[in-house]
Amino acid sequence: MTQKLTILFDLDGTLVDTAPDLMAAHNHVMKKFGYSTRSVDQIRNLVGKGAAVLIGRSIWGSAKKEFSKITDEKIKNEMVKEFISFYGKNIVKDSKLIKGVLEFLKWAKSKNISMGVCTNKQEHLAIDLLKKIKIYDYFEYVAGGNTFEYCKPDPRHLTSIIEIMNGDIKKSLMVGDSENDADAAKSAGIPMILIEDGYTDKKIEQIYHNHLIKDFIGIEKIVSKYIND
């Protein structure tokens, strides 16, 4: 029996444009603790490595000296806790599926393609978002940044999911929008489909990829080549 294709997806900026809701949570925390707020476009360049890094990079980018002053781990933990609490309560206020996602998931399901999510978002938040935006049932497995003892760009974040899903590395693809996804895919030896204008401050030419797409419209043509290989 021929091994079926496995596709892993990043979540933020790949399947769902979550920046507006992440911005709201971020700005809520920053106002509460006395730091600068950010625009949606700025948030898109800071997302990808979890809430703690998002907050740290935001403060670092606006005022390096301010960031260095936060030596109290209790305060840092309070900021992260507040972010996750606020975000969890407002997770789908303005978040929307990336163009063509639902149609592609339906197509992939019809082709018996195995699909999983690999995100650095906390697992419970990822599952909640996928359920509330009504695409959770398309995926066989969802792994967050806290599911294992490692996360992207560590390739084991991808390979562990593929193993759990009984997939084959040689018949797997990664779809993502940032260097975290790309670096993990490259190290794992998995072809990478990169979404333009992702949640990253890197330029396209700085990010490893085998295929480049603007959104999910027409991605079936790329994936079909791997089904037939």
N, C-alpha and C. Protein backbone atom coordinates (compact mmCIF):
# COMPACT_ATOMS: atom_id res chain seq x y z
N MET A 1 0.84 -1.20 0.00
CA MET A 1 0.00 0.00 0.00
C MET A 1 0.88 1.25 0.00
N THR A 2 0.57 2.19 -0.85
CA THR A 2 1.34 3.42 -0.94
C THR A 2 1.04 4.34 0.24
N GLN A 3 2.09 4.86 0.87
CA GLN A 3 1.92 5.76 2.01
C GLN A 3 1.24 7.04 1.56
N LYS A 4 0.19 7.45 2.24
CA LYS A 4 -0.51 8.67 1.86
C LYS A 4 0.28 9.91 2.29
N LEU A 5 -0.03 11.03 1.67
CA LEU A 5 0.66 12.28 1.93
C LEU A 5 0.23 12.87 3.28
N THR A 6 1.20 13.47 3.97
CA THR A 6 0.93 14.16 5.23
C THR A 6 1.31 15.62 5.07
N ILE A 7 0.42 16.51 5.46
CA ILE A 7 0.70 17.94 5.41
C ILE A 7 0.59 18.52 6.82
N LEU A 8 1.63 19.24 7.23
CA LEU A 8 1.61 19.96 8.50
C LEU A 8 1.47 21.45 8.21
N PHE A 9 0.67 22.11 9.01
CA PHE A 9 0.43 23.54 8.85
C PHE A 9 0.82 24.31 10.10
N ASP A 10 1.44 25.45 9.90
CA ASP A 10 1.56 26.42 10.97
C ASP A 10 0.15 27.00 11.15
N LEU A 11 -0.07 27.74 12.21
CA LEU A 11 -1.41 28.28 12.47
C LEU A 11 -1.50 29.79 12.25
N ASP A 12 -0.83 30.57 13.10
CA ASP A 12 -0.90 32.03 12.99
C ASP A 12 -0.23 32.53 11.71
N GLY A 13 -0.99 33.22 10.88
CA GLY A 13 -0.44 33.76 9.65
C GLY A 13 -0.43 32.77 8.51
N THR A 14 -0.76 31.51 8.80
CA THR A 14 -0.77 30.47 7.77
C THR A 14 -2.20 30.02 7.49
N LEU A 15 -2.86 29.46 8.50
CA LEU A 15 -4.25 29.06 8.36
C LEU A 15 -5.19 30.21 8.73
N VAL A 16 -4.79 30.96 9.74
CA VAL A 16 -5.65 32.03 10.26
C VAL A 16 -4.87 33.33 10.44
N ASP A 17 -5.48 34.44 10.02
CA ASP A 17 -4.91 35.75 10.26
C ASP A 17 -5.34 36.17 11.67
N THR A 18 -4.48 35.89 12.63
CA THR A 18 -4.81 36.13 14.04
C THR A 18 -4.25 37.45 14.56
N ALA A 19 -3.54 38.18 13.73
CA ALA A 19 -2.86 39.40 14.17
C ALA A 19 -3.76 40.41 14.88
N PRO A 20 -4.99 40.64 14.38
CA PRO A 20 -5.84 41.64 15.07
C PRO A 20 -6.13 41.28 16.53
N ASP A 21 -6.40 40.01 16.79
CA ASP A 21 -6.70 39.59 18.16
C ASP A 21 -5.44 39.51 19.01
N LEU A 22 -4.32 39.14 18.40
CA LEU A 22 -3.05 39.13 19.12
C LEU A 22 -2.65 40.56 19.48
N MET A 23 -2.92 41.50 18.57
CA MET A 23 -2.63 42.91 18.83
C MET A 23 -3.45 43.42 20.02
N ALA A 24 -4.72 43.05 20.04
CA ALA A 24 -5.59 43.50 21.13
C ALA A 24 -5.09 43.00 22.48
N ALA A 25 -4.69 41.73 22.52
CA ALA A 25 -4.17 41.15 23.77
C ALA A 25 -2.84 41.79 24.15
N HIS A 26 -1.98 41.96 23.17
CA HIS A 26 -0.68 42.59 23.39
C HIS A 26 -0.85 44.00 23.94
N ASN A 27 -1.68 44.79 23.29
CA ASN A 27 -1.85 46.18 23.70
C ASN A 27 -2.53 46.30 25.06
N HIS A 28 -3.40 45.36 25.37
CA HIS A 28 -4.03 45.32 26.70
C HIS A 28 -2.95 45.17 27.77
N VAL A 29 -2.02 44.25 27.54
CA VAL A 29 -0.94 44.00 28.51
C VAL A 29 0.00 45.20 28.60
N MET A 30 0.36 45.74 27.45
CA MET A 30 1.30 46.86 27.44
C MET A 30 0.74 48.09 28.17
N LYS A 31 -0.53 48.36 27.94
CA LYS A 31 -1.15 49.49 28.63
C LYS A 31 -1.18 49.26 30.14
N LYS A 32 -1.48 48.04 30.53
CA LYS A 32 -1.58 47.71 31.95
C LYS A 32 -0.24 47.82 32.66
N PHE A 33 0.85 47.46 31.96
CA PHE A 33 2.17 47.47 32.59
C PHE A 33 3.03 48.68 32.20
N GLY A 34 2.44 49.61 31.43
CA GLY A 34 3.14 50.86 31.14
C GLY A 34 4.11 50.86 29.99
N TYR A 35 3.84 50.06 28.96
CA TYR A 35 4.71 50.02 27.79
C TYR A 35 3.96 50.43 26.53
N SER A 36 4.69 50.59 25.44
CA SER A 36 4.12 51.07 24.19
C SER A 36 3.26 50.02 23.51
N THR A 37 2.17 50.47 22.90
CA THR A 37 1.30 49.57 22.14
C THR A 37 1.87 49.39 20.73
N ARG A 38 1.29 48.46 19.96
CA ARG A 38 1.77 48.16 18.61
C ARG A 38 0.62 48.10 17.62
N SER A 39 0.94 48.33 16.35
CA SER A 39 -0.05 48.21 15.29
C SER A 39 -0.16 46.76 14.84
N VAL A 40 -1.18 46.46 14.04
CA VAL A 40 -1.35 45.10 13.52
C VAL A 40 -0.14 44.68 12.70
N ASP A 41 0.36 45.55 11.84
CA ASP A 41 1.51 45.21 11.00
C ASP A 41 2.75 44.94 11.84
N GLN A 42 2.93 45.70 12.91
CA GLN A 42 4.08 45.47 13.79
C GLN A 42 3.94 44.13 14.50
N ILE A 43 2.73 43.78 14.91
CA ILE A 43 2.49 42.51 15.59
C ILE A 43 2.83 41.35 14.65
N ARG A 44 2.50 41.48 13.37
CA ARG A 44 2.79 40.41 12.41
C ARG A 44 4.28 40.11 12.33
N ASN A 45 5.11 41.09 12.63
CA ASN A 45 6.56 40.88 12.60
C ASN A 45 7.11 40.33 13.91
N LEU A 46 6.27 40.24 14.93
CA LEU A 46 6.73 39.80 16.25
C LEU A 46 6.22 38.43 16.65
N VAL A 47 5.19 37.95 15.96
CA VAL A 47 4.56 36.67 16.31
C VAL A 47 5.40 35.49 15.85
N GLY A 48 5.24 34.34 16.52
CA GLY A 48 5.84 33.11 16.01
C GLY A 48 6.58 32.28 17.02
N LYS A 49 6.95 32.89 18.17
CA LYS A 49 7.73 32.14 19.14
C LYS A 49 7.09 32.11 20.52
N GLY A 50 5.79 32.37 20.55
CA GLY A 50 5.07 32.29 21.82
C GLY A 50 4.87 33.66 22.46
N ALA A 51 3.99 33.69 23.47
CA ALA A 51 3.60 34.94 24.12
C ALA A 51 4.76 35.65 24.80
N ALA A 52 5.60 34.91 25.51
CA ALA A 52 6.71 35.52 26.23
C ALA A 52 7.68 36.22 25.28
N VAL A 53 7.98 35.59 24.17
CA VAL A 53 8.90 36.18 23.19
C VAL A 53 8.25 37.36 22.49
N LEU A 54 6.96 37.25 22.20
CA LEU A 54 6.23 38.36 21.59
C LEU A 54 6.33 39.61 22.45
N ILE A 55 6.06 39.45 23.73
CA ILE A 55 6.13 40.59 24.65
C ILE A 55 7.55 41.12 24.76
N GLY A 56 8.50 40.21 24.91
CA GLY A 56 9.90 40.62 25.04
C GLY A 56 10.42 41.34 23.82
N ARG A 57 10.12 40.81 22.64
CA ARG A 57 10.57 41.43 21.39
C ARG A 57 9.91 42.78 21.19
N SER A 58 8.67 42.91 21.61
CA SER A 58 7.96 44.18 21.48
C SER A 58 8.63 45.27 22.31
N ILE A 59 8.91 44.95 23.57
CA ILE A 59 9.54 45.92 24.45
C ILE A 59 10.97 46.20 24.00
N TRP A 60 11.67 45.14 23.59
CA TRP A 60 13.05 45.29 23.12
C TRP A 60 13.11 46.21 21.91
N GLY A 61 12.16 46.04 21.02
CA GLY A 61 12.14 46.84 19.79
C GLY A 61 11.83 48.29 20.04
N SER A 62 11.01 48.56 21.07
CA SER A 62 10.61 49.94 21.33
C SER A 62 11.58 50.66 22.25
N ALA A 63 12.19 49.91 23.15
CA ALA A 63 13.11 50.53 24.09
C ALA A 63 13.97 49.47 24.77
N LYS A 64 15.18 49.29 24.27
CA LYS A 64 16.07 48.25 24.80
C LYS A 64 16.32 48.43 26.29
N LYS A 65 16.48 49.67 26.72
CA LYS A 65 16.75 49.93 28.13
C LYS A 65 15.56 49.54 28.99
N GLU A 66 14.36 49.78 28.48
CA GLU A 66 13.17 49.40 29.23
C GLU A 66 13.13 47.89 29.45
N PHE A 67 13.44 47.15 28.40
CA PHE A 67 13.40 45.69 28.47
C PHE A 67 14.39 45.17 29.50
N SER A 68 15.57 45.76 29.52
CA SER A 68 16.62 45.30 30.43
C SER A 68 16.24 45.55 31.90
N LYS A 69 15.31 46.49 32.11
CA LYS A 69 14.89 46.79 33.48
C LYS A 69 14.00 45.71 34.07
N ILE A 70 13.35 44.93 33.17
CA ILE A 70 12.44 43.90 33.67
C ILE A 70 13.25 42.66 34.05
N THR A 71 13.85 42.72 35.19
CA THR A 71 14.66 41.60 35.68
C THR A 71 13.85 40.72 36.61
N ASP A 72 12.71 41.23 37.06
CA ASP A 72 11.85 40.48 37.97
C ASP A 72 11.05 39.45 37.17
N GLU A 73 11.37 38.20 37.37
CA GLU A 73 10.69 37.12 36.65
C GLU A 73 9.19 37.10 36.98
N LYS A 74 8.85 37.53 38.18
CA LYS A 74 7.44 37.55 38.59
C LYS A 74 6.64 38.49 37.69
N ILE A 75 7.22 39.65 37.39
CA ILE A 75 6.54 40.62 36.53
C ILE A 75 6.40 40.07 35.11
N LYS A 76 7.47 39.47 34.62
CA LYS A 76 7.43 38.88 33.28
C LYS A 76 6.35 37.81 33.20
N ASN A 77 6.30 36.97 34.22
CA ASN A 77 5.30 35.90 34.25
C ASN A 77 3.88 36.47 34.33
N GLU A 78 3.72 37.56 35.07
CA GLU A 78 2.41 38.20 35.18
C GLU A 78 1.97 38.76 33.83
N MET A 79 2.92 39.32 33.09
CA MET A 79 2.61 39.88 31.77
C MET A 79 2.17 38.78 30.81
N VAL A 80 2.88 37.67 30.83
CA VAL A 80 2.54 36.55 29.95
C VAL A 80 1.19 35.96 30.35
N LYS A 81 0.98 35.80 31.65
CA LYS A 81 -0.29 35.25 32.15
C LYS A 81 -1.46 36.14 31.75
N GLU A 82 -1.27 37.45 31.87
CA GLU A 82 -2.31 38.40 31.51
C GLU A 82 -2.60 38.35 30.02
N PHE A 83 -1.54 38.22 29.22
CA PHE A 83 -1.70 38.13 27.76
C PHE A 83 -2.52 36.90 27.39
N ILE A 84 -2.14 35.75 27.93
CA ILE A 84 -2.82 34.50 27.59
C ILE A 84 -4.27 34.52 28.07
N SER A 85 -4.52 35.09 29.25
CA SER A 85 -5.87 35.18 29.78
C SER A 85 -6.75 36.05 28.90
N PHE A 86 -6.27 37.23 28.55
CA PHE A 86 -7.05 38.15 27.73
C PHE A 86 -7.25 37.58 26.33
N TYR A 87 -6.19 37.05 25.76
CA TYR A 87 -6.27 36.50 24.41
C TYR A 87 -7.23 35.31 24.36
N GLY A 88 -7.16 34.44 25.36
CA GLY A 88 -8.02 33.28 25.39
C GLY A 88 -9.50 33.63 25.43
N LYS A 89 -9.82 34.77 26.05
CA LYS A 89 -11.21 35.21 26.15
C LYS A 89 -11.67 35.96 24.90
N ASN A 90 -10.73 36.34 24.06
CA ASN A 90 -11.05 37.15 22.87
C ASN A 90 -10.39 36.59 21.62
N ILE A 91 -10.32 35.27 21.51
CA ILE A 91 -9.47 34.60 20.53
C ILE A 91 -9.98 34.68 19.09
N VAL A 92 -11.28 34.87 18.92
CA VAL A 92 -11.81 34.95 17.55
C VAL A 92 -12.68 36.19 17.34
N LYS A 93 -12.31 37.28 17.96
CA LYS A 93 -13.05 38.53 17.78
C LYS A 93 -12.91 39.03 16.34
N ASP A 94 -11.67 39.10 15.86
CA ASP A 94 -11.41 39.62 14.52
C ASP A 94 -10.53 38.71 13.66
N SER A 95 -10.17 37.54 14.17
CA SER A 95 -9.35 36.60 13.40
C SER A 95 -10.18 35.99 12.27
N LYS A 96 -9.53 35.78 11.13
CA LYS A 96 -10.22 35.21 9.97
C LYS A 96 -9.34 34.19 9.27
N LEU A 97 -9.98 33.23 8.61
CA LEU A 97 -9.23 32.25 7.83
C LEU A 97 -8.50 32.95 6.68
N ILE A 98 -7.30 32.48 6.39
CA ILE A 98 -6.57 32.97 5.22
C ILE A 98 -7.36 32.55 3.97
N LYS A 99 -7.34 33.38 2.97
CA LYS A 99 -8.12 33.14 1.75
C LYS A 99 -7.84 31.76 1.15
N GLY A 100 -8.91 31.00 0.93
CA GLY A 100 -8.80 29.69 0.28
C GLY A 100 -8.55 28.53 1.21
N VAL A 101 -8.37 28.78 2.51
CA VAL A 101 -8.05 27.71 3.46
C VAL A 101 -9.14 26.65 3.53
N LEU A 102 -10.37 27.06 3.75
CA LEU A 102 -11.45 26.09 3.92
C LEU A 102 -11.63 25.23 2.67
N GLU A 103 -11.57 25.84 1.51
CA GLU A 103 -11.71 25.10 0.26
C GLU A 103 -10.59 24.08 0.10
N PHE A 104 -9.38 24.48 0.46
CA PHE A 104 -8.26 23.56 0.33
C PHE A 104 -8.37 22.40 1.32
N LEU A 105 -8.77 22.68 2.54
CA LEU A 105 -8.91 21.61 3.54
C LEU A 105 -9.95 20.59 3.09
N LYS A 106 -11.02 21.06 2.51
CA LYS A 106 -12.06 20.16 2.00
C LYS A 106 -11.50 19.30 0.86
N TRP A 107 -10.74 19.93 -0.02
CA TRP A 107 -10.14 19.20 -1.15
C TRP A 107 -9.16 18.16 -0.64
N ALA A 108 -8.29 18.55 0.28
CA ALA A 108 -7.28 17.63 0.81
C ALA A 108 -7.93 16.45 1.51
N LYS A 109 -9.01 16.71 2.22
CA LYS A 109 -9.73 15.63 2.91
C LYS A 109 -10.30 14.65 1.88
N SER A 110 -10.77 15.17 0.76
CA SER A 110 -11.34 14.32 -0.28
C SER A 110 -10.28 13.46 -0.95
N LYS A 111 -9.03 13.89 -0.85
CA LYS A 111 -7.91 13.15 -1.43
C LYS A 111 -7.24 12.22 -0.42
N ASN A 112 -7.85 12.11 0.76
CA ASN A 112 -7.33 11.24 1.81
C ASN A 112 -5.94 11.66 2.30
N ILE A 113 -5.69 12.96 2.28
CA ILE A 113 -4.43 13.51 2.77
C ILE A 113 -4.52 13.69 4.29
N SER A 114 -3.50 13.23 5.01
CA SER A 114 -3.45 13.41 6.46
C SER A 114 -2.99 14.84 6.76
N MET A 115 -3.66 15.49 7.71
CA MET A 115 -3.30 16.87 8.03
C MET A 115 -3.16 17.08 9.53
N GLY A 116 -2.13 17.85 9.89
CA GLY A 116 -1.89 18.18 11.29
C GLY A 116 -1.45 19.62 11.42
N VAL A 117 -1.52 20.14 12.63
CA VAL A 117 -1.11 21.52 12.90
C VAL A 117 0.11 21.51 13.81
N CYS A 118 1.10 22.30 13.44
CA CYS A 118 2.32 22.44 14.24
C CYS A 118 2.55 23.93 14.48
N THR A 119 2.22 24.39 15.67
CA THR A 119 2.30 25.81 16.00
C THR A 119 3.05 26.04 17.30
N ASN A 120 3.64 27.22 17.44
CA ASN A 120 4.30 27.57 18.69
C ASN A 120 3.32 28.23 19.66
N LYS A 121 2.08 28.35 19.25
CA LYS A 121 1.01 28.83 20.13
C LYS A 121 0.77 27.74 21.18
N GLN A 122 0.36 28.11 22.38
CA GLN A 122 0.07 27.09 23.38
C GLN A 122 -1.01 26.16 22.86
N GLU A 123 -0.86 24.88 23.17
CA GLU A 123 -1.74 23.86 22.60
C GLU A 123 -3.22 24.14 22.86
N HIS A 124 -3.57 24.49 24.08
CA HIS A 124 -4.99 24.69 24.39
C HIS A 124 -5.57 25.88 23.63
N LEU A 125 -4.75 26.91 23.40
CA LEU A 125 -5.21 28.07 22.64
C LEU A 125 -5.37 27.71 21.16
N ALA A 126 -4.43 26.91 20.65
CA ALA A 126 -4.50 26.48 19.25
C ALA A 126 -5.76 25.66 18.99
N ILE A 127 -6.03 24.71 19.88
CA ILE A 127 -7.22 23.86 19.72
C ILE A 127 -8.50 24.69 19.84
N ASP A 128 -8.52 25.60 20.80
CA ASP A 128 -9.69 26.45 20.99
C ASP A 128 -9.95 27.31 19.75
N LEU A 129 -8.89 27.89 19.21
CA LEU A 129 -9.03 28.72 18.01
C LEU A 129 -9.54 27.91 16.83
N LEU A 130 -8.95 26.74 16.61
CA LEU A 130 -9.35 25.89 15.48
C LEU A 130 -10.82 25.46 15.61
N LYS A 131 -11.24 25.19 16.83
CA LYS A 131 -12.63 24.78 17.06
C LYS A 131 -13.59 25.95 16.82
N LYS A 132 -13.23 27.12 17.35
CA LYS A 132 -14.12 28.27 17.23
C LYS A 132 -14.20 28.82 15.81
N ILE A 133 -13.13 28.62 15.05
CA ILE A 133 -13.15 29.10 13.66
C ILE A 133 -13.60 27.99 12.71
N LYS A 134 -13.93 26.82 13.34
CA LYS A 134 -14.62 25.70 12.69
C LYS A 134 -13.81 24.96 11.61
N ILE A 135 -12.52 24.72 11.90
CA ILE A 135 -11.73 23.86 11.01
C ILE A 135 -11.00 22.75 11.78
N TYR A 136 -11.25 22.64 13.06
CA TYR A 136 -10.55 21.67 13.91
C TYR A 136 -10.70 20.24 13.41
N ASP A 137 -11.87 19.88 12.95
CA ASP A 137 -12.15 18.49 12.55
C ASP A 137 -11.39 18.03 11.31
N TYR A 138 -10.74 18.93 10.62
CA TYR A 138 -9.96 18.55 9.43
C TYR A 138 -8.60 17.95 9.82
N PHE A 139 -8.19 18.14 11.06
CA PHE A 139 -6.85 17.75 11.47
C PHE A 139 -6.82 16.52 12.37
N GLU A 140 -5.86 15.67 12.11
CA GLU A 140 -5.71 14.45 12.89
C GLU A 140 -4.95 14.70 14.20
N TYR A 141 -4.13 15.75 14.20
CA TYR A 141 -3.33 16.03 15.40
C TYR A 141 -2.97 17.51 15.44
N VAL A 142 -2.98 18.09 16.62
CA VAL A 142 -2.60 19.49 16.82
C VAL A 142 -1.55 19.56 17.92
N ALA A 143 -0.39 20.09 17.58
CA ALA A 143 0.68 20.25 18.56
C ALA A 143 1.02 21.73 18.72
N GLY A 144 1.08 22.16 19.98
CA GLY A 144 1.44 23.54 20.28
C GLY A 144 2.88 23.67 20.71
N GLY A 145 3.25 24.87 21.10
CA GLY A 145 4.63 25.11 21.52
C GLY A 145 4.97 24.44 22.83
N ASN A 146 3.94 24.03 23.58
CA ASN A 146 4.16 23.39 24.88
C ASN A 146 3.75 21.91 24.88
N THR A 147 3.50 21.35 23.71
CA THR A 147 3.10 19.94 23.62
C THR A 147 4.26 19.01 23.94
N PHE A 148 5.42 19.34 23.39
CA PHE A 148 6.64 18.56 23.64
C PHE A 148 7.64 19.41 24.41
N GLU A 149 8.81 18.88 24.63
CA GLU A 149 9.86 19.64 25.33
C GLU A 149 10.63 20.51 24.34
N TYR A 150 10.19 20.55 23.11
CA TYR A 150 10.86 21.32 22.06
C TYR A 150 9.79 21.86 21.12
N CYS A 151 10.13 22.89 20.38
CA CYS A 151 9.19 23.47 19.41
C CYS A 151 9.97 24.09 18.26
N LYS A 152 9.26 24.48 17.21
CA LYS A 152 9.92 25.07 16.05
C LYS A 152 10.81 26.24 16.48
N PRO A 153 12.00 26.37 15.93
CA PRO A 153 12.50 25.73 14.70
C PRO A 153 13.14 24.35 14.89
N ASP A 154 13.00 23.75 16.04
CA ASP A 154 13.51 22.39 16.24
C ASP A 154 12.74 21.44 15.32
N PRO A 155 13.43 20.70 14.45
CA PRO A 155 12.75 19.81 13.51
C PRO A 155 11.95 18.70 14.17
N ARG A 156 12.26 18.38 15.41
CA ARG A 156 11.53 17.33 16.11
C ARG A 156 10.07 17.70 16.34
N HIS A 157 9.80 18.99 16.33
CA HIS A 157 8.41 19.43 16.47
C HIS A 157 7.58 18.90 15.29
N LEU A 158 8.20 18.86 14.12
CA LEU A 158 7.54 18.34 12.92
C LEU A 158 7.59 16.82 12.88
N THR A 159 8.77 16.28 13.09
CA THR A 159 8.94 14.83 12.93
C THR A 159 8.16 14.03 13.98
N SER A 160 8.00 14.60 15.18
CA SER A 160 7.23 13.91 16.22
C SER A 160 5.76 13.82 15.83
N ILE A 161 5.24 14.90 15.25
CA ILE A 161 3.84 14.90 14.82
C ILE A 161 3.62 13.89 13.70
N ILE A 162 4.53 13.88 12.74
CA ILE A 162 4.43 12.94 11.63
C ILE A 162 4.45 11.50 12.13
N GLU A 163 5.31 11.24 13.11
CA GLU A 163 5.40 9.90 13.69
C GLU A 163 4.10 9.53 14.40
N ILE A 164 3.56 10.46 15.17
CA ILE A 164 2.30 10.22 15.88
C ILE A 164 1.17 9.95 14.90
N MET A 165 1.20 10.62 13.76
CA MET A 165 0.17 10.46 12.74
C MET A 165 0.43 9.27 11.81
N ASN A 166 1.48 8.50 12.13
CA ASN A 166 1.86 7.35 11.31
C ASN A 166 2.16 7.75 9.87
N GLY A 167 2.76 8.92 9.73
CA GLY A 167 3.14 9.41 8.40
C GLY A 167 4.54 9.00 8.02
N ASP A 168 4.97 9.50 6.89
CA ASP A 168 6.30 9.19 6.36
C ASP A 168 6.97 10.52 6.02
N ILE A 169 8.17 10.74 6.57
CA ILE A 169 8.90 11.97 6.31
C ILE A 169 9.04 12.23 4.81
N LYS A 170 9.24 11.16 4.06
CA LYS A 170 9.45 11.29 2.61
C LYS A 170 8.16 11.61 1.87
N LYS A 171 7.04 11.51 2.55
CA LYS A 171 5.75 11.84 1.94
C LYS A 171 5.04 12.91 2.78
N SER A 172 5.82 13.92 3.19
CA SER A 172 5.26 14.97 4.03
C SER A 172 5.61 16.35 3.49
N LEU A 173 4.76 17.32 3.80
CA LEU A 173 4.97 18.71 3.40
C LEU A 173 4.73 19.62 4.60
N MET A 174 5.38 20.78 4.60
CA MET A 174 5.13 21.79 5.62
C MET A 174 4.62 23.04 4.94
N VAL A 175 3.54 23.63 5.48
CA VAL A 175 3.03 24.89 4.97
C VAL A 175 3.12 25.91 6.10
N GLY A 176 3.86 26.99 5.87
CA GLY A 176 4.04 27.99 6.91
C GLY A 176 4.35 29.35 6.34
N ASP A 177 4.56 30.31 7.24
CA ASP A 177 4.74 31.69 6.79
C ASP A 177 5.99 32.36 7.34
N SER A 178 6.82 31.61 8.09
CA SER A 178 7.98 32.26 8.72
C SER A 178 9.21 31.37 8.72
N GLU A 179 10.31 31.96 9.18
CA GLU A 179 11.57 31.23 9.24
C GLU A 179 11.52 30.08 10.25
N ASN A 180 10.68 30.20 11.28
CA ASN A 180 10.52 29.11 12.25
C ASN A 180 10.04 27.84 11.55
N ASP A 181 9.02 28.01 10.70
CA ASP A 181 8.47 26.88 9.95
C ASP A 181 9.50 26.35 8.95
N ALA A 182 10.11 27.29 8.24
CA ALA A 182 11.05 26.92 7.18
C ALA A 182 12.31 26.24 7.72
N ASP A 183 12.86 26.77 8.80
CA ASP A 183 14.07 26.19 9.37
C ASP A 183 13.81 24.78 9.91
N ALA A 184 12.63 24.60 10.51
CA ALA A 184 12.27 23.28 11.02
C ALA A 184 12.10 22.30 9.88
N ALA A 185 11.43 22.75 8.81
CA ALA A 185 11.20 21.89 7.65
C ALA A 185 12.52 21.53 6.96
N LYS A 186 13.39 22.50 6.82
CA LYS A 186 14.68 22.26 6.17
C LYS A 186 15.50 21.24 6.95
N SER A 187 15.55 21.41 8.26
CA SER A 187 16.32 20.49 9.10
C SER A 187 15.73 19.09 9.11
N ALA A 188 14.40 19.02 8.94
CA ALA A 188 13.73 17.72 8.92
C ALA A 188 13.75 17.08 7.54
N GLY A 189 14.18 17.84 6.54
CA GLY A 189 14.22 17.32 5.17
C GLY A 189 12.84 17.25 4.53
N ILE A 190 11.97 18.18 4.91
CA ILE A 190 10.59 18.21 4.41
C ILE A 190 10.41 19.40 3.47
N PRO A 191 9.81 19.22 2.30
CA PRO A 191 9.55 20.34 1.39
C PRO A 191 8.70 21.41 2.08
N MET A 192 9.01 22.67 1.79
CA MET A 192 8.36 23.80 2.45
C MET A 192 7.57 24.65 1.46
N ILE A 193 6.30 24.87 1.77
CA ILE A 193 5.46 25.78 1.01
C ILE A 193 5.32 27.05 1.85
N LEU A 194 5.86 28.14 1.35
CA LEU A 194 5.91 29.40 2.10
C LEU A 194 4.82 30.36 1.64
N ILE A 195 4.12 30.94 2.61
CA ILE A 195 3.11 31.94 2.32
C ILE A 195 3.74 33.33 2.38
N GLU A 196 3.52 34.11 1.34
CA GLU A 196 4.06 35.47 1.28
C GLU A 196 3.46 36.34 2.38
N ASP A 197 4.18 37.41 2.69
CA ASP A 197 3.69 38.40 3.66
C ASP A 197 3.26 37.77 4.97
N GLY A 198 4.07 36.85 5.46
CA GLY A 198 3.76 36.15 6.69
C GLY A 198 4.08 36.92 7.95
N TYR A 199 3.95 36.25 9.07
CA TYR A 199 4.23 36.85 10.37
C TYR A 199 5.73 36.74 10.64
N THR A 200 6.47 37.58 10.00
CA THR A 200 7.93 37.58 10.12
C THR A 200 8.48 38.91 9.62
N ASP A 201 9.66 39.26 10.10
CA ASP A 201 10.31 40.48 9.59
C ASP A 201 11.37 40.13 8.56
N LYS A 202 11.44 38.84 8.19
CA LYS A 202 12.40 38.39 7.19
C LYS A 202 11.84 38.59 5.78
N LYS A 203 12.74 38.78 4.82
CA LYS A 203 12.35 38.87 3.42
C LYS A 203 12.23 37.45 2.86
N ILE A 204 11.43 37.30 1.81
CA ILE A 204 11.19 35.98 1.22
C ILE A 204 12.48 35.27 0.87
N GLU A 205 13.42 36.01 0.30
CA GLU A 205 14.68 35.39 -0.12
C GLU A 205 15.54 34.93 1.05
N GLN A 206 15.20 35.35 2.25
CA GLN A 206 15.94 34.94 3.45
C GLN A 206 15.35 33.68 4.09
N ILE A 207 14.21 33.25 3.58
CA ILE A 207 13.51 32.12 4.17
C ILE A 207 13.51 30.92 3.22
N TYR A 208 13.95 29.77 3.70
CA TYR A 208 13.98 28.55 2.89
C TYR A 208 12.58 28.17 2.43
N HIS A 209 12.44 27.82 1.17
CA HIS A 209 11.16 27.31 0.68
C HIS A 209 11.36 26.63 -0.68
N ASN A 210 10.46 25.70 -0.96
CA ASN A 210 10.44 25.02 -2.26
C ASN A 210 9.36 25.60 -3.16
N HIS A 211 8.33 26.15 -2.52
CA HIS A 211 7.22 26.75 -3.26
C HIS A 211 6.76 28.01 -2.53
N LEU A 212 6.29 28.98 -3.29
CA LEU A 212 5.84 30.25 -2.73
C LEU A 212 4.40 30.51 -3.16
N ILE A 213 3.54 30.81 -2.18
CA ILE A 213 2.14 31.09 -2.50
C ILE A 213 1.69 32.38 -1.80
N LYS A 214 0.72 33.05 -2.39
CA LYS A 214 0.19 34.27 -1.79
C LYS A 214 -0.86 33.91 -0.75
N ASP A 215 -1.68 32.91 -1.07
CA ASP A 215 -2.70 32.39 -0.17
C ASP A 215 -2.98 30.95 -0.61
N PHE A 216 -4.11 30.39 -0.22
CA PHE A 216 -4.37 28.99 -0.55
C PHE A 216 -5.09 28.77 -1.88
N ILE A 217 -5.34 29.83 -2.60
CA ILE A 217 -5.97 29.70 -3.91
C ILE A 217 -4.97 29.08 -4.89
N GLY A 218 -5.31 27.90 -5.41
CA GLY A 218 -4.45 27.24 -6.38
C GLY A 218 -3.37 26.34 -5.81
N ILE A 219 -3.31 26.20 -4.49
CA ILE A 219 -2.28 25.37 -3.87
C ILE A 219 -2.44 23.89 -4.23
N GLU A 220 -3.65 23.52 -4.65
CA GLU A 220 -3.90 22.12 -5.03
C GLU A 220 -2.95 21.65 -6.13
N LYS A 221 -2.58 22.56 -7.02
CA LYS A 221 -1.68 22.20 -8.13
C LYS A 221 -0.31 21.78 -7.60
N ILE A 222 0.15 22.47 -6.58
CA ILE A 222 1.46 22.14 -5.98
C ILE A 222 1.38 20.81 -5.25
N VAL A 223 0.37 20.66 -4.41
CA VAL A 223 0.22 19.46 -3.59
C VAL A 223 0.00 18.22 -4.44
N SER A 224 -0.74 18.37 -5.55
CA SER A 224 -1.03 17.24 -6.44
C SER A 224 0.24 16.58 -6.96
N LYS A 225 1.28 17.35 -7.16
CA LYS A 225 2.56 16.81 -7.65
C LYS A 225 3.15 15.82 -6.65
N TYR A 226 2.95 16.11 -5.37
CA TYR A 226 3.49 15.23 -4.33
C TYR A 226 2.63 14.00 -4.13
N ILE A 227 1.34 14.13 -4.41
CA ILE A 227 0.46 12.96 -4.33
C ILE A 227 0.84 11.95 -5.39
N ASN A 228 1.21 12.46 -6.56
CA ASN A 228 1.51 11.60 -7.71
C ASN A 228 2.93 11.08 -7.73
N ASP A 229 3.83 11.71 -6.96
CA ASP A 229 5.23 11.27 -6.95
C ASP A 229 5.39 9.89 -6.32
